[in-house]
Amino acid sequence: MPAVTFQETDAEILLKIRTEAAKQINIRLNRTVKPITLLVKSELERAISEQPEYRSVIGGILRHEFGIPDGISRLSEIVDIWVNGVTVVVKNNGALATPMMTIEIRAVEDSYSDVLSSAASSFTTPENNFVLEWLSWLLIEGSNPAIIADYHVSSGKGRAGPLIMRRGGQWGVPSIFQGDKNDNFVTRAIQQIEPVLETSIVTIIQKAFNV
Protein backbone atom coordinates (compact mmCIF):
# COMPACT_ATOMS: atom_id res chain seq x y z
CA MET A 1 0.00 0.00 0.00
CA PRO A 2 1.47 3.35 -1.00
CA ALA A 3 2.27 5.79 1.75
CA VAL A 4 -0.19 8.61 2.35
CA THR A 5 1.41 12.01 2.44
CA PHE A 6 -0.41 14.95 4.05
CA GLN A 7 0.37 18.36 2.59
CA GLU A 8 -0.75 20.10 5.76
CA THR A 9 0.90 20.34 9.11
CA ASP A 10 -0.63 18.87 12.24
CA ALA A 11 -1.48 22.37 13.42
CA GLU A 12 -3.30 23.16 10.16
CA ILE A 13 -5.29 19.92 10.32
CA LEU A 14 -6.21 20.56 13.95
CA LEU A 15 -7.33 24.09 13.06
CA LYS A 16 -9.59 22.77 10.30
CA ILE A 17 -11.10 20.19 12.65
CA ARG A 18 -11.78 22.82 15.30
CA THR A 19 -13.22 25.22 12.72
CA GLU A 20 -15.61 22.60 11.38
CA ALA A 21 -16.58 21.53 14.90
CA ALA A 22 -17.28 25.13 15.87
CA LYS A 23 -19.40 25.54 12.73
CA GLN A 24 -21.50 22.50 13.59
CA ILE A 25 -21.88 23.65 17.21
CA ASN A 26 -23.01 27.09 16.05
CA ILE A 27 -25.60 25.54 13.74
CA ARG A 28 -27.06 23.54 16.61
CA LEU A 29 -26.92 26.47 19.03
CA ASN A 30 -28.71 28.72 16.56
CA ARG A 31 -31.53 26.18 16.46
CA THR A 32 -32.10 26.74 20.18
CA VAL A 33 -32.72 30.49 19.91
CA LYS A 34 -36.33 30.26 18.71
CA PRO A 35 -37.57 27.66 21.25
CA ILE A 36 -35.77 29.44 24.10
CA THR A 37 -37.30 32.77 23.04
CA LEU A 38 -40.79 31.28 22.88
CA LEU A 39 -40.25 29.66 26.27
CA VAL A 40 -39.15 32.92 27.91
CA LYS A 41 -42.03 34.87 26.39
CA SER A 42 -44.59 32.32 27.53
CA GLU A 43 -43.24 31.99 31.07
CA LEU A 44 -42.82 35.75 31.50
CA GLU A 45 -46.38 36.48 30.40
CA ARG A 46 -47.76 33.77 32.67
CA ALA A 47 -45.76 34.86 35.70
CA ILE A 48 -46.68 38.54 35.38
CA SER A 49 -50.37 37.74 34.99
CA GLU A 50 -50.24 35.73 38.23
CA GLN A 51 -48.82 38.58 40.32
CA PRO A 52 -51.16 40.04 42.97
CA GLU A 53 -50.66 43.55 41.57
CA TYR A 54 -51.79 42.45 38.11
CA ARG A 55 -54.92 40.81 39.44
CA SER A 56 -55.70 43.70 41.75
CA VAL A 57 -55.51 46.29 38.96
CA ILE A 58 -57.95 44.18 36.95
CA GLY A 59 -60.51 43.51 39.64
CA GLY A 60 -59.28 44.27 43.14
CA ILE A 61 -58.47 47.10 45.49
CA LEU A 62 -55.97 48.71 43.09
CA ARG A 63 -58.64 48.98 40.42
CA HIS A 64 -60.79 50.88 42.90
CA GLU A 65 -58.05 53.04 44.39
CA PHE A 66 -56.45 53.88 41.05
CA GLY A 67 -59.87 54.46 39.54
CA ILE A 68 -58.90 52.79 36.26
CA PRO A 69 -61.92 51.12 34.63
CA ASP A 70 -59.94 49.62 31.73
CA GLY A 71 -57.06 48.14 33.70
CA ILE A 72 -57.08 44.81 31.86
CA SER A 73 -56.52 46.39 28.44
CA ARG A 74 -53.79 48.66 29.81
CA LEU A 75 -52.00 45.79 31.51
CA SER A 76 -52.28 43.67 28.39
CA GLU A 77 -50.54 46.39 26.41
CA ILE A 78 -47.80 46.72 29.02
CA VAL A 79 -47.19 42.96 29.17
CA ASP A 80 -47.11 42.81 25.35
CA ILE A 81 -44.32 45.40 25.33
CA TRP A 82 -42.28 43.32 27.76
CA VAL A 83 -42.97 40.03 26.00
CA ASN A 84 -42.27 41.41 22.53
CA GLY A 85 -39.04 42.90 23.85
CA VAL A 86 -37.60 39.51 24.80
CA THR A 87 -34.34 38.78 22.99
CA VAL A 88 -32.15 35.70 23.30
CA VAL A 89 -28.51 35.54 22.22
CA VAL A 90 -26.65 32.21 22.36
CA LYS A 91 -22.87 32.46 22.07
CA ASN A 92 -20.36 29.70 21.43
CA ASN A 93 -17.32 30.51 23.57
CA GLY A 94 -15.23 27.65 22.17
CA ALA A 95 -14.74 24.02 23.12
CA LEU A 96 -11.90 24.82 25.52
CA ALA A 97 -13.62 27.79 27.17
CA THR A 98 -15.40 27.78 30.50
CA PRO A 99 -18.29 27.99 30.06
CA MET A 100 -18.46 26.63 26.51
CA MET A 101 -21.56 28.68 25.78
CA THR A 102 -23.29 31.79 27.06
CA ILE A 103 -27.01 32.52 26.87
CA GLU A 104 -28.07 36.14 27.24
CA ILE A 105 -31.76 36.83 27.85
CA ARG A 106 -33.08 40.38 27.85
CA ALA A 107 -36.68 41.27 28.53
CA VAL A 108 -37.25 44.27 30.78
CA GLU A 109 -35.33 47.52 30.58
CA ASP A 110 -33.76 48.57 33.88
CA SER A 111 -35.23 52.07 33.56
CA TYR A 112 -38.67 50.74 32.54
CA SER A 113 -38.68 53.44 29.86
CA ASP A 114 -40.08 50.96 27.35
CA VAL A 115 -43.36 50.67 29.26
CA LEU A 116 -43.47 54.02 31.07
CA SER A 117 -43.40 55.79 27.71
CA SER A 118 -46.54 53.92 26.67
CA ALA A 119 -49.89 55.70 26.80
CA ALA A 120 -51.21 52.69 28.71
CA SER A 121 -48.98 53.49 31.69
CA SER A 122 -51.01 56.52 32.76
CA PHE A 123 -54.65 57.51 32.97
CA THR A 124 -56.09 61.02 32.70
CA THR A 125 -59.17 61.55 34.84
CA PRO A 126 -62.13 62.89 32.86
CA GLU A 127 -63.28 65.03 35.79
CA ASN A 128 -60.23 67.27 36.23
CA ASN A 129 -57.61 66.03 33.72
CA PHE A 130 -55.37 64.77 36.52
CA VAL A 131 -52.75 62.31 35.21
CA LEU A 132 -52.58 59.09 37.21
CA GLU A 133 -49.18 57.52 36.56
CA TRP A 134 -50.31 54.22 37.99
CA LEU A 135 -47.61 52.02 36.46
CA SER A 136 -44.79 54.21 37.71
CA TRP A 137 -46.37 54.05 41.17
CA LEU A 138 -46.22 50.26 41.09
CA LEU A 139 -42.77 49.89 39.54
CA ILE A 140 -40.80 52.74 41.09
CA GLU A 141 -42.63 54.96 43.56
CA GLY A 142 -44.60 52.47 45.62
CA SER A 143 -42.85 53.25 48.90
CA ASN A 144 -43.74 56.94 48.72
CA PRO A 145 -46.52 57.44 51.32
CA ALA A 146 -47.67 60.67 49.68
CA ILE A 147 -47.78 59.99 45.96
CA ILE A 148 -50.92 62.09 45.91
CA ALA A 149 -50.85 64.87 48.47
CA ASP A 150 -53.96 66.51 49.95
CA TYR A 151 -56.20 63.60 48.92
CA HIS A 152 -57.22 60.33 50.47
CA VAL A 153 -59.34 57.34 49.42
CA SER A 154 -62.82 57.09 50.86
CA SER A 155 -65.98 55.13 50.19
CA GLY A 156 -68.16 56.47 47.43
CA LYS A 157 -69.14 55.86 43.84
CA GLY A 158 -65.92 56.07 41.86
CA ARG A 159 -64.99 55.52 38.22
CA ALA A 160 -64.04 51.89 38.77
CA GLY A 161 -65.74 50.84 41.99
CA PRO A 162 -66.86 51.82 45.47
CA LEU A 163 -63.95 54.16 46.26
CA ILE A 164 -63.33 57.81 45.50
CA MET A 165 -60.64 60.41 46.19
CA ARG A 166 -61.57 63.15 48.63
CA ARG A 167 -59.64 66.21 49.76
CA GLY A 168 -57.50 65.97 52.85
CA GLY A 169 -54.74 63.67 53.99
CA GLN A 170 -52.52 61.86 51.53
CA TRP A 171 -52.50 58.70 49.45
CA GLY A 172 -49.91 56.09 48.59
CA VAL A 173 -49.93 52.59 47.12
CA PRO A 174 -51.28 50.04 49.64
CA SER A 175 -48.36 48.48 51.50
CA ILE A 176 -48.88 44.95 50.15
CA PHE A 177 -48.43 46.23 46.59
CA GLN A 178 -45.58 48.68 47.11
CA GLY A 179 -42.64 48.30 44.78
CA ASP A 180 -39.46 50.07 43.80
CA LYS A 181 -37.04 49.90 40.87
CA ASN A 182 -35.37 46.72 42.11
CA ASP A 183 -38.29 44.98 43.78
CA ASN A 184 -41.69 45.11 42.11
CA PHE A 185 -44.23 42.84 40.49
CA VAL A 186 -42.23 42.32 37.29
CA THR A 187 -38.88 41.69 39.03
CA ARG A 188 -40.61 39.17 41.27
CA ALA A 189 -42.19 37.50 38.24
CA ILE A 190 -38.75 37.16 36.64
CA GLN A 191 -37.27 35.70 39.82
CA GLN A 192 -40.06 33.15 40.01
CA ILE A 193 -39.52 31.82 36.49
CA GLU A 194 -35.72 31.56 36.68
CA PRO A 195 -35.68 27.94 37.98
CA VAL A 196 -38.18 26.85 35.32
CA LEU A 197 -36.21 28.57 32.58
CA GLU A 198 -32.95 27.02 33.69
CA THR A 199 -34.33 23.49 33.63
CA SER A 200 -36.23 23.94 30.36
CA ILE A 201 -33.32 25.62 28.56
CA VAL A 202 -31.01 22.73 29.48
CA THR A 203 -33.57 20.35 27.96
CA ILE A 204 -33.75 22.43 24.76
CA ILE A 205 -29.96 22.43 24.40
CA GLN A 206 -29.71 18.70 25.08
CA LYS A 207 -32.31 18.05 22.40
CA ALA A 208 -30.42 20.23 19.92
CA PHE A 209 -27.29 18.16 20.50
CA ASN A 210 -29.15 14.83 20.66
CA VAL A 211 -27.95 14.25 24.21
C-alpha atoms as a PDB file:
ATOM      1  CA  MET A   1       0.000   0.000   0.000  1.00  0.00           C
ATOM      2  CA  PRO A   2       1.474   3.349  -0.997  1.00  0.00           C
ATOM      3  CA  ALA A   3       2.266   5.788   1.747  1.00  0.00           C
ATOM      4  CA  VAL A   4      -0.187   8.612   2.348  1.00  0.00           C
ATOM      5  CA  THR A   5       1.409  12.010   2.445  1.00  0.00           C
ATOM      6  CA  PHE A   6      -0.407  14.953   4.046  1.00  0.00           C
ATOM      7  CA  GLN A   7       0.370  18.356   2.593  1.00  0.00           C
ATOM      8  CA  GLU A   8      -0.750  20.102   5.756  1.00  0.00           C
ATOM      9  CA  THR A   9       0.899  20.341   9.109  1.00  0.00           C
ATOM     10  CA  ASP A  10      -0.632  18.871  12.240  1.00  0.00           C
ATOM     11  CA  ALA A  11      -1.476  22.374  13.418  1.00  0.00           C
ATOM     12  CA  GLU A  12      -3.301  23.161  10.160  1.00  0.00           C
ATOM     13  CA  ILE A  13      -5.286  19.922  10.319  1.00  0.00           C
ATOM     14  CA  LEU A  14      -6.213  20.559  13.950  1.00  0.00           C
ATOM     15  CA  LEU A  15      -7.332  24.092  13.062  1.00  0.00           C
ATOM     16  CA  LYS A  16      -9.588  22.775  10.305  1.00  0.00           C
ATOM     17  CA  ILE A  17     -11.104  20.189  12.651  1.00  0.00           C
ATOM     18  CA  ARG A  18     -11.780  22.817  15.297  1.00  0.00           C
ATOM     19  CA  THR A  19     -13.223  25.218  12.720  1.00  0.00           C
ATOM     20  CA  GLU A  20     -15.611  22.601  11.382  1.00  0.00           C
ATOM     21  CA  ALA A  21     -16.575  21.528  14.900  1.00  0.00           C
ATOM     22  CA  ALA A  22     -17.276  25.135  15.870  1.00  0.00           C
ATOM     23  CA  LYS A  23     -19.398  25.537  12.725  1.00  0.00           C
ATOM     24  CA  GLN A  24     -21.501  22.495  13.591  1.00  0.00           C
ATOM     25  CA  ILE A  25     -21.877  23.648  17.206  1.00  0.00           C
ATOM     26  CA  ASN A  26     -23.015  27.094  16.048  1.00  0.00           C
ATOM     27  CA  ILE A  27     -25.604  25.537  13.744  1.00  0.00           C
ATOM     28  CA  ARG A  28     -27.057  23.544  16.612  1.00  0.00           C
ATOM     29  CA  LEU A  29     -26.923  26.473  19.030  1.00  0.00           C
ATOM     30  CA  ASN A  30     -28.715  28.720  16.559  1.00  0.00           C
ATOM     31  CA  ARG A  31     -31.531  26.177  16.464  1.00  0.00           C
ATOM     32  CA  THR A  32     -32.101  26.744  20.175  1.00  0.00           C
ATOM     33  CA  VAL A  33     -32.724  30.493  19.913  1.00  0.00           C
ATOM     34  CA  LYS A  34     -36.326  30.259  18.705  1.00  0.00           C
ATOM     35  CA  PRO A  35     -37.569  27.661  21.253  1.00  0.00           C
ATOM     36  CA  ILE A  36     -35.771  29.439  24.097  1.00  0.00           C
ATOM     37  CA  THR A  37     -37.298  32.768  23.042  1.00  0.00           C
ATOM     38  CA  LEU A  38     -40.792  31.277  22.878  1.00  0.00           C
ATOM     39  CA  LEU A  39     -40.250  29.662  26.271  1.00  0.00           C
ATOM     40  CA  VAL A  40     -39.150  32.916  27.914  1.00  0.00           C
ATOM     41  CA  LYS A  41     -42.028  34.869  26.388  1.00  0.00           C
ATOM     42  CA  SER A  42     -44.594  32.321  27.531  1.00  0.00           C
ATOM     43  CA  GLU A  43     -43.243  31.995  31.068  1.00  0.00           C
ATOM     44  CA  LEU A  44     -42.825  35.750  31.502  1.00  0.00           C
ATOM     45  CA  GLU A  45     -46.379  36.482  30.398  1.00  0.00           C
ATOM     46  CA  ARG A  46     -47.759  33.765  32.667  1.00  0.00           C
ATOM     47  CA  ALA A  47     -45.759  34.859  35.702  1.00  0.00           C
ATOM     48  CA  ILE A  48     -46.678  38.536  35.380  1.00  0.00           C
ATOM     49  CA  SER A  49     -50.370  37.741  34.993  1.00  0.00           C
ATOM     50  CA  GLU A  50     -50.235  35.730  38.229  1.00  0.00           C
ATOM     51  CA  GLN A  51     -48.821  38.578  40.318  1.00  0.00           C
ATOM     52  CA  PRO A  52     -51.163  40.036  42.968  1.00  0.00           C
ATOM     53  CA  GLU A  53     -50.658  43.549  41.567  1.00  0.00           C
ATOM     54  CA  TYR A  54     -51.792  42.454  38.106  1.00  0.00           C
ATOM     55  CA  ARG A  55     -54.920  40.810  39.438  1.00  0.00           C
ATOM     56  CA  SER A  56     -55.701  43.701  41.754  1.00  0.00           C
ATOM     57  CA  VAL A  57     -55.511  46.288  38.958  1.00  0.00           C
ATOM     58  CA  ILE A  58     -57.948  44.185  36.947  1.00  0.00           C
ATOM     59  CA  GLY A  59     -60.511  43.513  39.645  1.00  0.00           C
ATOM     60  CA  GLY A  60     -59.284  44.269  43.139  1.00  0.00           C
ATOM     61  CA  ILE A  61     -58.469  47.101  45.490  1.00  0.00           C
ATOM     62  CA  LEU A  62     -55.971  48.715  43.087  1.00  0.00           C
ATOM     63  CA  ARG A  63     -58.642  48.980  40.417  1.00  0.00           C
ATOM     64  CA  HIS A  64     -60.793  50.879  42.902  1.00  0.00           C
ATOM     65  CA  GLU A  65     -58.046  53.045  44.387  1.00  0.00           C
ATOM     66  CA  PHE A  66     -56.455  53.884  41.046  1.00  0.00           C
ATOM     67  CA  GLY A  67     -59.873  54.458  39.538  1.00  0.00           C
ATOM     68  CA  ILE A  68     -58.904  52.792  36.264  1.00  0.00           C
ATOM     69  CA  PRO A  69     -61.924  51.124  34.633  1.00  0.00           C
ATOM     70  CA  ASP A  70     -59.940  49.618  31.729  1.00  0.00           C
ATOM     71  CA  GLY A  71     -57.065  48.135  33.704  1.00  0.00           C
ATOM     72  CA  ILE A  72     -57.078  44.808  31.859  1.00  0.00           C
ATOM     73  CA  SER A  73     -56.518  46.392  28.441  1.00  0.00           C
ATOM     74  CA  ARG A  74     -53.790  48.662  29.812  1.00  0.00           C
ATOM     75  CA  LEU A  75     -52.002  45.786  31.515  1.00  0.00           C
ATOM     76  CA  SER A  76     -52.282  43.667  28.386  1.00  0.00           C
ATOM     77  CA  GLU A  77     -50.535  46.389  26.414  1.00  0.00           C
ATOM     78  CA  ILE A  78     -47.804  46.723  29.025  1.00  0.00           C
ATOM     79  CA  VAL A  79     -47.190  42.964  29.166  1.00  0.00           C
ATOM     80  CA  ASP A  80     -47.111  42.811  25.351  1.00  0.00           C
ATOM     81  CA  ILE A  81     -44.319  45.405  25.335  1.00  0.00           C
ATOM     82  CA  TRP A  82     -42.277  43.320  27.764  1.00  0.00           C
ATOM     83  CA  VAL A  83     -42.966  40.034  26.005  1.00  0.00           C
ATOM     84  CA  ASN A  84     -42.270  41.408  22.529  1.00  0.00           C
ATOM     85  CA  GLY A  85     -39.045  42.895  23.847  1.00  0.00           C
ATOM     86  CA  VAL A  86     -37.604  39.505  24.800  1.00  0.00           C
ATOM     87  CA  THR A  87     -34.338  38.777  22.992  1.00  0.00           C
ATOM     88  CA  VAL A  88     -32.146  35.701  23.297  1.00  0.00           C
ATOM     89  CA  VAL A  89     -28.507  35.536  22.216  1.00  0.00           C
ATOM     90  CA  VAL A  90     -26.654  32.210  22.356  1.00  0.00           C
ATOM     91  CA  LYS A  91     -22.865  32.459  22.070  1.00  0.00           C
ATOM     92  CA  ASN A  92     -20.361  29.702  21.434  1.00  0.00           C
ATOM     93  CA  ASN A  93     -17.319  30.506  23.568  1.00  0.00           C
ATOM     94  CA  GLY A  94     -15.232  27.650  22.169  1.00  0.00           C
ATOM     95  CA  ALA A  95     -14.739  24.017  23.120  1.00  0.00           C
ATOM     96  CA  LEU A  96     -11.904  24.821  25.523  1.00  0.00           C
ATOM     97  CA  ALA A  97     -13.620  27.787  27.169  1.00  0.00           C
ATOM     98  CA  THR A  98     -15.401  27.785  30.499  1.00  0.00           C
ATOM     99  CA  PRO A  99     -18.291  27.986  30.064  1.00  0.00           C
ATOM    100  CA  MET A 100     -18.459  26.628  26.508  1.00  0.00           C
ATOM    101  CA  MET A 101     -21.560  28.677  25.775  1.00  0.00           C
ATOM    102  CA  THR A 102     -23.293  31.792  27.062  1.00  0.00           C
ATOM    103  CA  ILE A 103     -27.011  32.517  26.868  1.00  0.00           C
ATOM    104  CA  GLU A 104     -28.071  36.138  27.239  1.00  0.00           C
ATOM    105  CA  ILE A 105     -31.761  36.834  27.851  1.00  0.00           C
ATOM    106  CA  ARG A 106     -33.081  40.379  27.848  1.00  0.00           C
ATOM    107  CA  ALA A 107     -36.683  41.271  28.530  1.00  0.00           C
ATOM    108  CA  VAL A 108     -37.253  44.273  30.782  1.00  0.00           C
ATOM    109  CA  GLU A 109     -35.326  47.524  30.576  1.00  0.00           C
ATOM    110  CA  ASP A 110     -33.762  48.572  33.878  1.00  0.00           C
ATOM    111  CA  SER A 111     -35.230  52.073  33.563  1.00  0.00           C
ATOM    112  CA  TYR A 112     -38.671  50.735  32.538  1.00  0.00           C
ATOM    113  CA  SER A 113     -38.676  53.441  29.864  1.00  0.00           C
ATOM    114  CA  ASP A 114     -40.078  50.960  27.349  1.00  0.00           C
ATOM    115  CA  VAL A 115     -43.357  50.674  29.256  1.00  0.00           C
ATOM    116  CA  LEU A 116     -43.470  54.020  31.070  1.00  0.00           C
ATOM    117  CA  SER A 117     -43.397  55.789  27.709  1.00  0.00           C
ATOM    118  CA  SER A 118     -46.541  53.918  26.674  1.00  0.00           C
ATOM    119  CA  ALA A 119     -49.891  55.695  26.805  1.00  0.00           C
ATOM    120  CA  ALA A 120     -51.210  52.692  28.714  1.00  0.00           C
ATOM    121  CA  SER A 121     -48.977  53.487  31.691  1.00  0.00           C
ATOM    122  CA  SER A 122     -51.013  56.520  32.757  1.00  0.00           C
ATOM    123  CA  PHE A 123     -54.651  57.509  32.967  1.00  0.00           C
ATOM    124  CA  THR A 124     -56.093  61.018  32.698  1.00  0.00           C
ATOM    125  CA  THR A 125     -59.171  61.550  34.840  1.00  0.00           C
ATOM    126  CA  PRO A 126     -62.135  62.887  32.864  1.00  0.00           C
ATOM    127  CA  GLU A 127     -63.281  65.031  35.792  1.00  0.00           C
ATOM    128  CA  ASN A 128     -60.231  67.267  36.229  1.00  0.00           C
ATOM    129  CA  ASN A 129     -57.609  66.034  33.724  1.00  0.00           C
ATOM    130  CA  PHE A 130     -55.366  64.765  36.519  1.00  0.00           C
ATOM    131  CA  VAL A 131     -52.751  62.314  35.209  1.00  0.00           C
ATOM    132  CA  LEU A 132     -52.578  59.088  37.210  1.00  0.00           C
ATOM    133  CA  GLU A 133     -49.176  57.516  36.557  1.00  0.00           C
ATOM    134  CA  TRP A 134     -50.307  54.223  37.991  1.00  0.00           C
ATOM    135  CA  LEU A 135     -47.609  52.015  36.461  1.00  0.00           C
ATOM    136  CA  SER A 136     -44.786  54.211  37.715  1.00  0.00           C
ATOM    137  CA  TRP A 137     -46.367  54.054  41.171  1.00  0.00           C
ATOM    138  CA  LEU A 138     -46.222  50.264  41.094  1.00  0.00           C
ATOM    139  CA  LEU A 139     -42.769  49.887  39.538  1.00  0.00           C
ATOM    140  CA  ILE A 140     -40.804  52.735  41.086  1.00  0.00           C
ATOM    141  CA  GLU A 141     -42.631  54.962  43.556  1.00  0.00           C
ATOM    142  CA  GLY A 142     -44.597  52.472  45.621  1.00  0.00           C
ATOM    143  CA  SER A 143     -42.845  53.251  48.901  1.00  0.00           C
ATOM    144  CA  ASN A 144     -43.740  56.942  48.723  1.00  0.00           C
ATOM    145  CA  PRO A 145     -46.516  57.439  51.319  1.00  0.00           C
ATOM    146  CA  ALA A 146     -47.672  60.669  49.679  1.00  0.00           C
ATOM    147  CA  ILE A 147     -47.780  59.992  45.960  1.00  0.00           C
ATOM    148  CA  ILE A 148     -50.918  62.088  45.911  1.00  0.00           C
ATOM    149  CA  ALA A 149     -50.848  64.867  48.469  1.00  0.00           C
ATOM    150  CA  ASP A 150     -53.960  66.507  49.947  1.00  0.00           C
ATOM    151  CA  TYR A 151     -56.203  63.603  48.915  1.00  0.00           C
ATOM    152  CA  HIS A 152     -57.218  60.326  50.466  1.00  0.00           C
ATOM    153  CA  VAL A 153     -59.339  57.344  49.418  1.00  0.00           C
ATOM    154  CA  SER A 154     -62.820  57.089  50.861  1.00  0.00           C
ATOM    155  CA  SER A 155     -65.979  55.128  50.187  1.00  0.00           C
ATOM    156  CA  GLY A 156     -68.160  56.470  47.427  1.00  0.00           C
ATOM    157  CA  LYS A 157     -69.141  55.860  43.838  1.00  0.00           C
ATOM    158  CA  GLY A 158     -65.923  56.065  41.857  1.00  0.00           C
ATOM    159  CA  ARG A 159     -64.991  55.521  38.222  1.00  0.00           C
ATOM    160  CA  ALA A 160     -64.044  51.887  38.766  1.00  0.00           C
ATOM    161  CA  GLY A 161     -65.735  50.842  41.988  1.00  0.00           C
ATOM    162  CA  PRO A 162     -66.860  51.815  45.474  1.00  0.00           C
ATOM    163  CA  LEU A 163     -63.947  54.160  46.256  1.00  0.00           C
ATOM    164  CA  ILE A 164     -63.333  57.813  45.499  1.00  0.00           C
ATOM    165  CA  MET A 165     -60.640  60.407  46.189  1.00  0.00           C
ATOM    166  CA  ARG A 166     -61.573  63.145  48.633  1.00  0.00           C
ATOM    167  CA  ARG A 167     -59.642  66.214  49.761  1.00  0.00           C
ATOM    168  CA  GLY A 168     -57.505  65.972  52.851  1.00  0.00           C
ATOM    169  CA  GLY A 169     -54.740  63.673  53.990  1.00  0.00           C
ATOM    170  CA  GLN A 170     -52.524  61.858  51.530  1.00  0.00           C
ATOM    171  CA  TRP A 171     -52.498  58.701  49.448  1.00  0.00           C
ATOM    172  CA  GLY A 172     -49.914  56.088  48.585  1.00  0.00           C
ATOM    173  CA  VAL A 173     -49.926  52.591  47.122  1.00  0.00           C
ATOM    174  CA  PRO A 174     -51.283  50.040  49.635  1.00  0.00           C
ATOM    175  CA  SER A 175     -48.360  48.478  51.498  1.00  0.00           C
ATOM    176  CA  ILE A 176     -48.885  44.951  50.149  1.00  0.00           C
ATOM    177  CA  PHE A 177     -48.431  46.227  46.585  1.00  0.00           C
ATOM    178  CA  GLN A 178     -45.583  48.680  47.105  1.00  0.00           C
ATOM    179  CA  GLY A 179     -42.637  48.297  44.784  1.00  0.00           C
ATOM    180  CA  ASP A 180     -39.459  50.075  43.799  1.00  0.00           C
ATOM    181  CA  LYS A 181     -37.039  49.903  40.874  1.00  0.00           C
ATOM    182  CA  ASN A 182     -35.367  46.724  42.114  1.00  0.00           C
ATOM    183  CA  ASP A 183     -38.289  44.980  43.776  1.00  0.00           C
ATOM    184  CA  ASN A 184     -41.695  45.114  42.108  1.00  0.00           C
ATOM    185  CA  PHE A 185     -44.233  42.841  40.487  1.00  0.00           C
ATOM    186  CA  VAL A 186     -42.231  42.317  37.286  1.00  0.00           C
ATOM    187  CA  THR A 187     -38.883  41.686  39.027  1.00  0.00           C
ATOM    188  CA  ARG A 188     -40.612  39.172  41.270  1.00  0.00           C
ATOM    189  CA  ALA A 189     -42.186  37.499  38.237  1.00  0.00           C
ATOM    190  CA  ILE A 190     -38.747  37.158  36.639  1.00  0.00           C
ATOM    191  CA  GLN A 191     -37.266  35.697  39.822  1.00  0.00           C
ATOM    192  CA  GLN A 192     -40.064  33.153  40.014  1.00  0.00           C
ATOM    193  CA  ILE A 193     -39.517  31.816  36.494  1.00  0.00           C
ATOM    194  CA  GLU A 194     -35.720  31.557  36.677  1.00  0.00           C
ATOM    195  CA  PRO A 195     -35.678  27.938  37.981  1.00  0.00           C
ATOM    196  CA  VAL A 196     -38.182  26.848  35.317  1.00  0.00           C
ATOM    197  CA  LEU A 197     -36.214  28.569  32.579  1.00  0.00           C
ATOM    198  CA  GLU A 198     -32.945  27.020  33.690  1.00  0.00           C
ATOM    199  CA  THR A 199     -34.332  23.486  33.627  1.00  0.00           C
ATOM    200  CA  SER A 200     -36.225  23.936  30.363  1.00  0.00           C
ATOM    201  CA  ILE A 201     -33.315  25.620  28.556  1.00  0.00           C
ATOM    202  CA  VAL A 202     -31.013  22.727  29.481  1.00  0.00           C
ATOM    203  CA  THR A 203     -33.568  20.353  27.962  1.00  0.00           C
ATOM    204  CA  ILE A 204     -33.749  22.427  24.761  1.00  0.00           C
ATOM    205  CA  ILE A 205     -29.958  22.425  24.400  1.00  0.00           C
ATOM    206  CA  GLN A 206     -29.707  18.702  25.075  1.00  0.00           C
ATOM    207  CA  LYS A 207     -32.313  18.052  22.404  1.00  0.00           C
ATOM    208  CA  ALA A 208     -30.421  20.231  19.919  1.00  0.00           C
ATOM    209  CA  PHE A 209     -27.286  18.163  20.502  1.00  0.00           C
ATOM    210  CA  ASN A 210     -29.152  14.833  20.664  1.00  0.00           C
ATOM    211  CA  VAL A 211     -27.952  14.253  24.206  1.00  0.00           C
END
